[in-house]
Amino acid sequence: MKNPIDIPTQDIQMRPLIDSIAEIINNARKKLASHINSTMTEAYWQIGKYIVEYEQGGQAKVAYGTSTLTELSHQLTARFGRGFSRPNLVNMRKFYLLYPNCQSVTDNLSWTHICVLMQAEDDLERSFYEKECVSQKWDVRTLKRQMNSALYLRLAASKNKAGVLALANEGISVQNPEDVVRDSYTLEFLGIPENYRFSETELEQRIIDNLQSFLLEMGKGFTFVKRQYPITVNNRHYHCDLVFYHRILKCFVLIDLKRNGVQHEDIGQMNMYLGYFAQEENMPDDNPPIGIILSHYKDNLLVEYATYGMNTNLFVSKYELYLPNKDQLRQIVNQIVDSENKE
């Protein structure tokens, strides 16, 4: 009886050929799907253009919003099937109005991506998510999460006008340690109720259980190294809660988690961790490590005094267990731009 795990010699010899052909077919299918998506999205833009031109011609100004798009939806659905509902036609019209040059998005994003992006009413906000969506290859689920967590507003609220405009026009630029550390992080994906009394060990475990979401929140370039990284100094043993490596900045990123607020001794301990990694763990081509103390509350004055004259790669940031108030953040960002416009 033939052993079921035995593979005929001919099959083994042909495997490289089969794998090569399979790769060609898969790539061709991906290109075809991408081409179909781009073509259909351009068609939706063209439909939006015709709808707008029809309205501007005076033929539908009265009926628009009541019967015109509804009747158009019925006619197109009868001819071409699904995809031409009234809400979708409204999106096509909006697509044409928001993107005079549809080529800027049709070559890189799906129609579903574009529909989600158009939910951002602010031009700067929408431009930021568009840039990040393309550069980071976000799927639709990731895009929705980042918009729901107000990523742009959280980043923009800590910048001046030039920084806000740079975010919108260029996306996130990573050149310095400050570029990868945020003032606050949103960890709603951990599922911890706001008034629940959790331990730091439980917080760490929930992050590990949701590591993909945590890496997304941390931003681009982070790769996970180890939890409870052992550090021994003069026979005394310590453990850094989470250690990552940043591929772009080429450095370790050490994270200590605090259930409540950060204390001055926590800052001193993180500074020691940074010194240890710089001397004992860094390879010759590694840059100085970054330390982040992630606490639920932050006393800015205490942090200012405790870090006086200390390693500039040491940061203290807050985390929230629920989605931020986008209206409040948007008001802050608008004030930043408006106040500088008046100067």
Protein backbone atom coordinates (compact mmCIF):
# COMPACT_ATOMS: atom_id res chain seq x y z
CA MET A 1 0.00 0.00 0.00
CA LYS A 2 1.31 3.42 -0.95
CA ASN A 3 2.28 5.70 1.92
CA PRO A 4 -0.14 8.71 1.74
CA ILE A 5 2.65 11.13 2.62
CA ASP A 6 4.92 9.94 -0.17
CA ILE A 7 5.04 12.38 -3.09
CA PRO A 8 5.91 11.08 -6.56
CA THR A 9 9.34 12.15 -7.79
CA GLN A 10 7.80 13.73 -10.89
CA ASP A 11 5.54 15.92 -8.74
CA ILE A 12 8.52 17.08 -6.68
CA GLN A 13 10.45 17.95 -9.81
CA MET A 14 7.51 19.87 -11.28
CA ARG A 15 6.70 21.80 -8.10
CA PRO A 16 8.91 24.84 -8.93
CA LEU A 17 7.27 25.05 -12.37
CA ILE A 18 3.76 24.78 -10.89
CA ASP A 19 4.54 27.37 -8.19
CA SER A 20 5.90 29.80 -10.78
CA ILE A 21 2.84 29.44 -13.00
CA ALA A 22 0.53 29.78 -9.98
CA GLU A 23 2.25 33.04 -9.02
CA ILE A 24 1.77 34.41 -12.53
CA ILE A 25 -1.94 33.50 -12.50
CA ASN A 26 -2.50 34.98 -9.02
CA ASN A 27 -0.74 38.21 -9.96
CA ALA A 28 -2.75 38.45 -13.17
CA ARG A 29 -5.99 37.99 -11.24
CA LYS A 30 -4.99 40.70 -8.75
CA LYS A 31 -4.15 43.11 -11.57
CA LEU A 32 -7.43 42.30 -13.30
CA ALA A 33 -9.40 42.90 -10.09
CA SER A 34 -7.55 46.17 -9.54
CA HIS A 35 -8.21 47.26 -13.12
CA ILE A 36 -11.93 46.42 -12.83
CA ASN A 37 -12.14 48.37 -9.56
CA SER A 38 -10.40 51.39 -11.08
CA THR A 39 -12.59 51.31 -14.18
CA MET A 40 -15.84 51.03 -12.23
CA THR A 41 -14.83 53.78 -9.80
CA GLU A 42 -14.08 56.10 -12.72
CA ALA A 43 -17.50 55.20 -14.13
CA TYR A 44 -19.13 56.16 -10.82
CA TRP A 45 -17.32 59.53 -10.96
CA GLN A 46 -18.62 60.04 -14.51
CA ILE A 47 -22.16 59.20 -13.41
CA GLY A 48 -21.81 61.74 -10.61
CA LYS A 49 -20.69 64.31 -13.16
CA TYR A 50 -23.73 63.70 -15.38
CA ILE A 51 -26.07 64.00 -12.40
CA VAL A 52 -24.53 67.34 -11.37
CA GLU A 53 -24.60 68.67 -14.94
CA TYR A 54 -28.22 67.60 -15.25
CA GLU A 55 -29.08 69.53 -12.09
CA GLN A 56 -27.12 72.60 -13.13
CA GLY A 57 -28.96 72.59 -16.44
CA GLY A 58 -32.07 73.53 -14.52
CA GLN A 59 -33.91 70.34 -15.37
CA ALA A 60 -33.88 68.83 -11.92
CA LYS A 61 -33.39 71.62 -9.40
CA VAL A 62 -36.91 71.28 -8.07
CA ALA A 63 -37.12 67.52 -8.16
CA TYR A 64 -33.64 66.76 -6.85
CA GLY A 65 -33.72 65.17 -3.43
CA THR A 66 -37.23 63.84 -3.91
CA SER A 67 -37.99 61.94 -7.08
CA THR A 68 -35.13 62.44 -9.57
CA LEU A 69 -32.50 60.20 -7.96
CA THR A 70 -35.15 57.71 -6.85
CA GLU A 71 -36.46 57.34 -10.40
CA LEU A 72 -32.90 57.19 -11.77
CA SER A 73 -32.09 54.45 -9.27
CA HIS A 74 -35.11 52.41 -10.36
CA GLN A 75 -34.25 52.73 -14.05
CA LEU A 76 -30.55 51.87 -13.64
CA THR A 77 -31.26 48.95 -11.28
CA ALA A 78 -33.75 47.53 -13.80
CA ARG A 79 -31.11 47.69 -16.54
CA PHE A 80 -27.92 46.81 -14.67
CA GLY A 81 -28.91 45.20 -11.38
CA ARG A 82 -27.47 46.02 -7.95
CA GLY A 83 -25.11 48.91 -7.23
CA PHE A 84 -27.33 51.82 -8.23
CA SER A 85 -29.40 52.44 -5.11
CA ARG A 86 -30.35 56.01 -4.33
CA PRO A 87 -27.73 56.29 -1.50
CA ASN A 88 -25.07 55.03 -3.91
CA LEU A 89 -26.09 57.59 -6.53
CA VAL A 90 -25.85 60.29 -3.87
CA ASN A 91 -22.30 59.07 -3.16
CA MET A 92 -21.43 59.21 -6.87
CA ARG A 93 -22.63 62.79 -7.04
CA LYS A 94 -20.63 63.65 -3.91
CA PHE A 95 -17.58 61.87 -5.33
CA TYR A 96 -17.58 64.12 -8.39
CA LEU A 97 -17.99 67.27 -6.28
CA LEU A 98 -15.25 66.38 -3.78
CA TYR A 99 -12.71 64.96 -6.23
CA PRO A 100 -12.39 67.08 -9.41
CA ASN A 101 -9.55 64.76 -10.40
CA CYS A 102 -10.77 61.24 -9.77
CA GLN A 103 -7.42 59.74 -10.82
CA SER A 104 -5.98 60.80 -7.47
CA VAL A 105 -7.93 58.03 -5.74
CA THR A 106 -9.27 55.59 -8.33
CA ASP A 107 -5.87 54.03 -8.98
CA ASN A 108 -5.29 53.20 -5.31
CA LEU A 109 -8.58 52.90 -3.45
CA SER A 110 -11.74 50.88 -3.81
CA TRP A 111 -15.18 52.43 -4.13
CA THR A 112 -15.94 51.32 -0.56
CA HIS A 113 -12.81 53.14 0.68
CA ILE A 114 -13.93 56.29 -1.12
CA CYS A 115 -17.45 56.12 0.34
CA VAL A 116 -15.99 55.89 3.85
CA LEU A 117 -13.56 58.75 3.17
CA MET A 118 -16.38 60.98 1.98
CA GLN A 119 -17.96 60.73 5.43
CA ALA A 120 -15.26 63.14 6.62
CA GLU A 121 -16.75 66.57 6.01
CA ASP A 122 -13.50 68.47 6.65
CA ASP A 123 -11.19 68.62 3.62
CA LEU A 124 -7.98 68.45 5.68
CA GLU A 125 -9.24 65.47 7.67
CA ARG A 126 -10.31 63.59 4.55
CA SER A 127 -6.98 64.32 2.84
CA PHE A 128 -5.06 62.89 5.82
CA TYR A 129 -6.99 59.61 5.84
CA GLU A 130 -6.68 59.34 2.08
CA LYS A 131 -2.87 59.71 2.25
CA GLU A 132 -2.53 57.20 5.09
CA CYS A 133 -4.94 54.77 3.44
CA VAL A 134 -2.76 54.63 0.33
CA SER A 135 0.66 54.65 2.00
CA GLN A 136 -0.25 52.12 4.70
CA LYS A 137 -2.51 50.00 2.49
CA TRP A 138 -5.37 50.14 5.00
CA ASP A 139 -8.32 47.88 4.33
CA VAL A 140 -11.81 49.33 4.81
CA ARG A 141 -12.12 47.99 8.35
CA THR A 142 -8.86 49.65 9.38
CA LEU A 143 -9.87 52.94 7.77
CA LYS A 144 -13.17 52.94 9.67
CA ARG A 145 -11.41 52.21 12.95
CA GLN A 146 -8.90 55.02 12.48
CA MET A 147 -11.64 57.48 11.58
CA ASN A 148 -13.82 56.38 14.51
CA SER A 149 -10.87 56.79 16.87
CA ALA A 150 -10.29 60.31 15.47
CA LEU A 151 -6.65 59.59 14.64
CA TYR A 152 -6.22 62.76 12.60
CA LEU A 153 -7.83 64.99 15.22
CA ARG A 154 -5.78 63.44 18.03
CA LEU A 155 -2.57 64.06 16.13
CA ALA A 156 -3.54 67.52 14.88
CA ALA A 157 -4.65 68.75 18.33
CA SER A 158 -1.03 68.63 19.54
CA LYS A 159 0.44 70.58 16.58
CA ASN A 160 0.54 74.14 15.28
CA LYS A 161 -1.04 75.24 12.02
CA ALA A 162 1.97 74.17 9.94
CA GLY A 163 1.85 70.75 11.55
CA VAL A 164 -1.87 70.39 10.91
CA LEU A 165 -1.45 71.25 7.24
CA ALA A 166 1.52 68.91 6.91
CA LEU A 167 -0.55 66.07 8.35
CA ALA A 168 -3.33 66.72 5.86
CA ASN A 169 -1.08 67.11 2.83
CA GLU A 170 1.60 64.52 3.56
CA GLY A 171 0.20 62.09 6.12
CA ILE A 172 2.33 60.86 9.00
CA SER A 173 6.03 61.45 8.49
CA VAL A 174 8.45 59.39 10.60
CA GLN A 175 11.90 60.94 10.93
CA ASN A 176 12.43 61.51 14.66
CA PRO A 177 11.38 59.81 17.92
CA GLU A 178 8.76 62.55 18.43
CA ASP A 179 7.08 61.43 15.20
CA VAL A 180 6.21 57.97 16.56
CA VAL A 181 4.99 59.01 20.03
CA ARG A 182 1.52 60.44 20.58
CA ASP A 183 0.18 62.47 23.48
CA SER A 184 -2.66 59.99 23.89
CA TYR A 185 -3.60 56.53 22.69
CA THR A 186 -7.10 55.10 22.31
CA LEU A 187 -7.36 51.49 23.49
CA GLU A 188 -11.10 50.94 23.20
CA PHE A 189 -10.43 47.61 21.44
CA LEU A 190 -9.28 46.14 24.77
CA GLY A 191 -12.90 46.03 25.89
CA ILE A 192 -12.20 47.33 29.41
CA PRO A 193 -15.21 49.16 30.93
CA GLU A 194 -14.44 52.71 32.03
CA ASN A 195 -15.06 52.10 35.75
CA TYR A 196 -13.60 48.57 35.86
CA ARG A 197 -10.69 48.13 38.31
CA PHE A 198 -8.10 46.27 36.26
CA SER A 199 -4.51 45.39 37.14
CA GLU A 200 -1.44 46.27 35.10
CA THR A 201 -0.98 42.55 34.44
CA GLU A 202 -4.49 42.32 33.00
CA LEU A 203 -3.90 45.45 30.92
CA GLU A 204 -0.73 43.92 29.50
CA GLN A 205 -2.46 40.61 28.76
CA ARG A 206 -5.32 42.33 26.95
CA ILE A 207 -2.83 44.23 24.81
CA ILE A 208 -1.09 40.95 23.92
CA ASP A 209 -4.46 39.39 23.09
CA ASN A 210 -5.21 42.35 20.81
CA LEU A 211 -1.68 42.88 19.55
CA GLN A 212 -2.65 43.57 15.94
CA SER A 213 -5.01 46.37 17.02
CA PHE A 214 -2.40 47.75 19.43
CA LEU A 215 0.24 47.86 16.67
CA LEU A 216 -2.26 49.70 14.46
CA GLU A 217 -2.84 52.26 17.20
CA MET A 218 0.89 52.69 17.81
CA GLY A 219 1.44 53.56 14.15
CA LYS A 220 3.60 52.44 11.27
CA GLY A 221 6.99 50.84 11.74
CA PHE A 222 6.43 48.96 15.00
CA THR A 223 7.28 45.26 15.33
CA PHE A 224 6.75 43.27 18.51
CA VAL A 225 9.82 41.84 20.28
CA LYS A 226 8.88 40.55 23.73
CA ARG A 227 6.71 41.06 26.79
CA GLN A 228 8.23 41.22 30.29
CA TYR A 229 11.70 41.73 28.84
CA PRO A 230 14.22 40.73 31.57
CA ILE A 231 16.78 43.32 32.67
CA THR A 232 19.42 42.48 35.31
CA VAL A 233 21.56 45.15 36.96
CA ASN A 234 23.92 44.14 39.81
CA ASN A 235 21.94 40.97 40.46
CA ARG A 236 18.67 42.91 40.70
CA HIS A 237 16.03 41.79 38.25
CA TYR A 238 13.60 44.06 36.42
CA HIS A 239 11.14 43.53 33.59
CA CYS A 240 10.05 45.98 30.92
CA ASP A 241 6.38 45.35 30.16
CA LEU A 242 6.55 45.53 26.35
CA VAL A 243 9.45 45.84 23.94
CA PHE A 244 9.10 46.69 20.26
CA TYR A 245 11.52 47.51 17.47
CA HIS A 246 10.86 50.38 15.08
CA ARG A 247 11.87 49.44 11.55
CA ILE A 248 12.01 52.99 10.23
CA LEU A 249 13.91 54.64 13.08
CA LYS A 250 15.97 51.45 13.67
CA CYS A 251 15.67 51.47 17.42
CA PHE A 252 14.08 49.61 20.32
CA VAL A 253 10.90 51.07 21.81
CA LEU A 254 10.29 50.22 25.47
CA ILE A 255 6.83 50.56 26.97
CA ASP A 256 5.88 50.43 30.65
CA LEU A 257 2.18 50.31 31.52
CA LYS A 258 0.66 52.13 34.48
CA ARG A 259 -2.90 51.49 35.63
CA ASN A 260 -3.21 54.95 37.18
CA GLY A 261 -0.91 57.96 37.03
CA VAL A 262 2.85 57.98 36.49
CA GLN A 263 5.15 58.65 39.47
CA HIS A 264 8.63 60.16 39.45
CA GLU A 265 10.20 56.78 40.32
CA ASP A 266 8.55 55.28 37.22
CA ILE A 267 10.34 57.86 35.10
CA GLY A 268 13.69 57.11 36.76
CA GLN A 269 13.19 53.40 36.17
CA MET A 270 12.41 53.90 32.48
CA ASN A 271 15.52 56.05 32.15
CA MET A 272 17.54 53.15 33.56
CA TYR A 273 15.93 50.78 31.04
CA LEU A 274 16.96 53.11 28.21
CA GLY A 275 20.54 53.17 29.48
CA TYR A 276 20.62 49.39 29.74
CA PHE A 277 19.32 48.86 26.20
CA ALA A 278 21.70 51.46 24.78
CA GLN A 279 24.68 49.71 26.38
CA GLU A 280 23.70 46.04 26.42
CA GLU A 281 21.10 45.34 23.72
CA ASN A 282 21.78 47.77 20.88
CA MET A 283 23.64 46.53 17.83
CA PRO A 284 26.26 48.86 16.28
CA ASP A 285 23.78 50.17 13.67
CA ASP A 286 20.89 50.67 16.11
CA ASN A 287 19.84 54.17 17.13
CA PRO A 288 19.25 55.12 20.80
CA PRO A 289 16.14 53.43 22.24
CA ILE A 290 12.83 55.19 22.89
CA GLY A 291 10.96 54.84 26.17
CA ILE A 292 7.22 55.37 26.58
CA ILE A 293 5.44 55.25 29.92
CA LEU A 294 1.79 54.68 29.11
CA SER A 295 -0.43 55.78 31.99
CA HIS A 296 -4.15 56.30 32.47
CA TYR A 297 -3.57 59.75 33.98
CA LYS A 298 -0.78 62.26 33.46
CA ASP A 299 0.34 65.06 35.76
CA ASN A 300 2.09 67.36 33.29
CA LEU A 301 3.88 69.39 35.96
CA LEU A 302 5.24 66.31 37.71
CA VAL A 303 6.42 64.91 34.37
CA GLU A 304 8.10 68.21 33.49
CA TYR A 305 10.06 68.31 36.75
CA ALA A 306 10.83 64.57 36.83
CA THR A 307 12.23 64.57 33.30
CA TYR A 308 14.24 67.80 33.69
CA GLY A 309 17.62 67.33 32.02
CA MET A 310 16.82 63.69 31.32
CA ASN A 311 16.95 61.58 28.16
CA THR A 312 14.96 63.32 25.44
CA ASN A 313 13.87 59.92 24.10
CA LEU A 314 11.77 59.33 27.22
CA PHE A 315 8.06 60.13 26.85
CA VAL A 316 5.00 59.93 29.08
CA SER A 317 1.70 59.44 27.26
CA LYS A 318 -1.90 58.84 28.26
CA TYR A 319 -4.24 56.08 27.17
CA GLU A 320 -8.02 56.15 27.01
CA LEU A 321 -10.28 53.11 27.21
CA TYR A 322 -13.05 54.65 25.12
CA LEU A 323 -13.34 56.55 21.85
CA PRO A 324 -12.54 60.27 22.15
CA ASN A 325 -15.05 63.09 21.80
CA LYS A 326 -14.52 64.05 18.18
CA ASP A 327 -16.49 67.28 18.44
CA GLN A 328 -14.23 68.59 21.20
CA LEU A 329 -11.10 67.58 19.32
CA ARG A 330 -12.37 69.16 16.11
CA GLN A 331 -13.04 72.39 18.00
CA ILE A 332 -9.44 72.40 19.30
CA VAL A 333 -8.03 71.83 15.79
CA ASN A 334 -10.23 74.54 14.31
CA GLN A 335 -9.08 76.97 17.00
CA ILE A 336 -5.43 76.20 16.18
CA VAL A 337 -5.96 77.02 12.51
CA ASP A 338 -8.28 79.98 13.06
CA SER A 339 -6.15 81.64 15.76
CA GLU A 340 -3.06 81.56 13.56
CA ASN A 341 -5.02 82.89 10.60
CA LYS A 342 -5.88 85.99 12.63
CA GLU A 343 -2.25 86.76 13.48
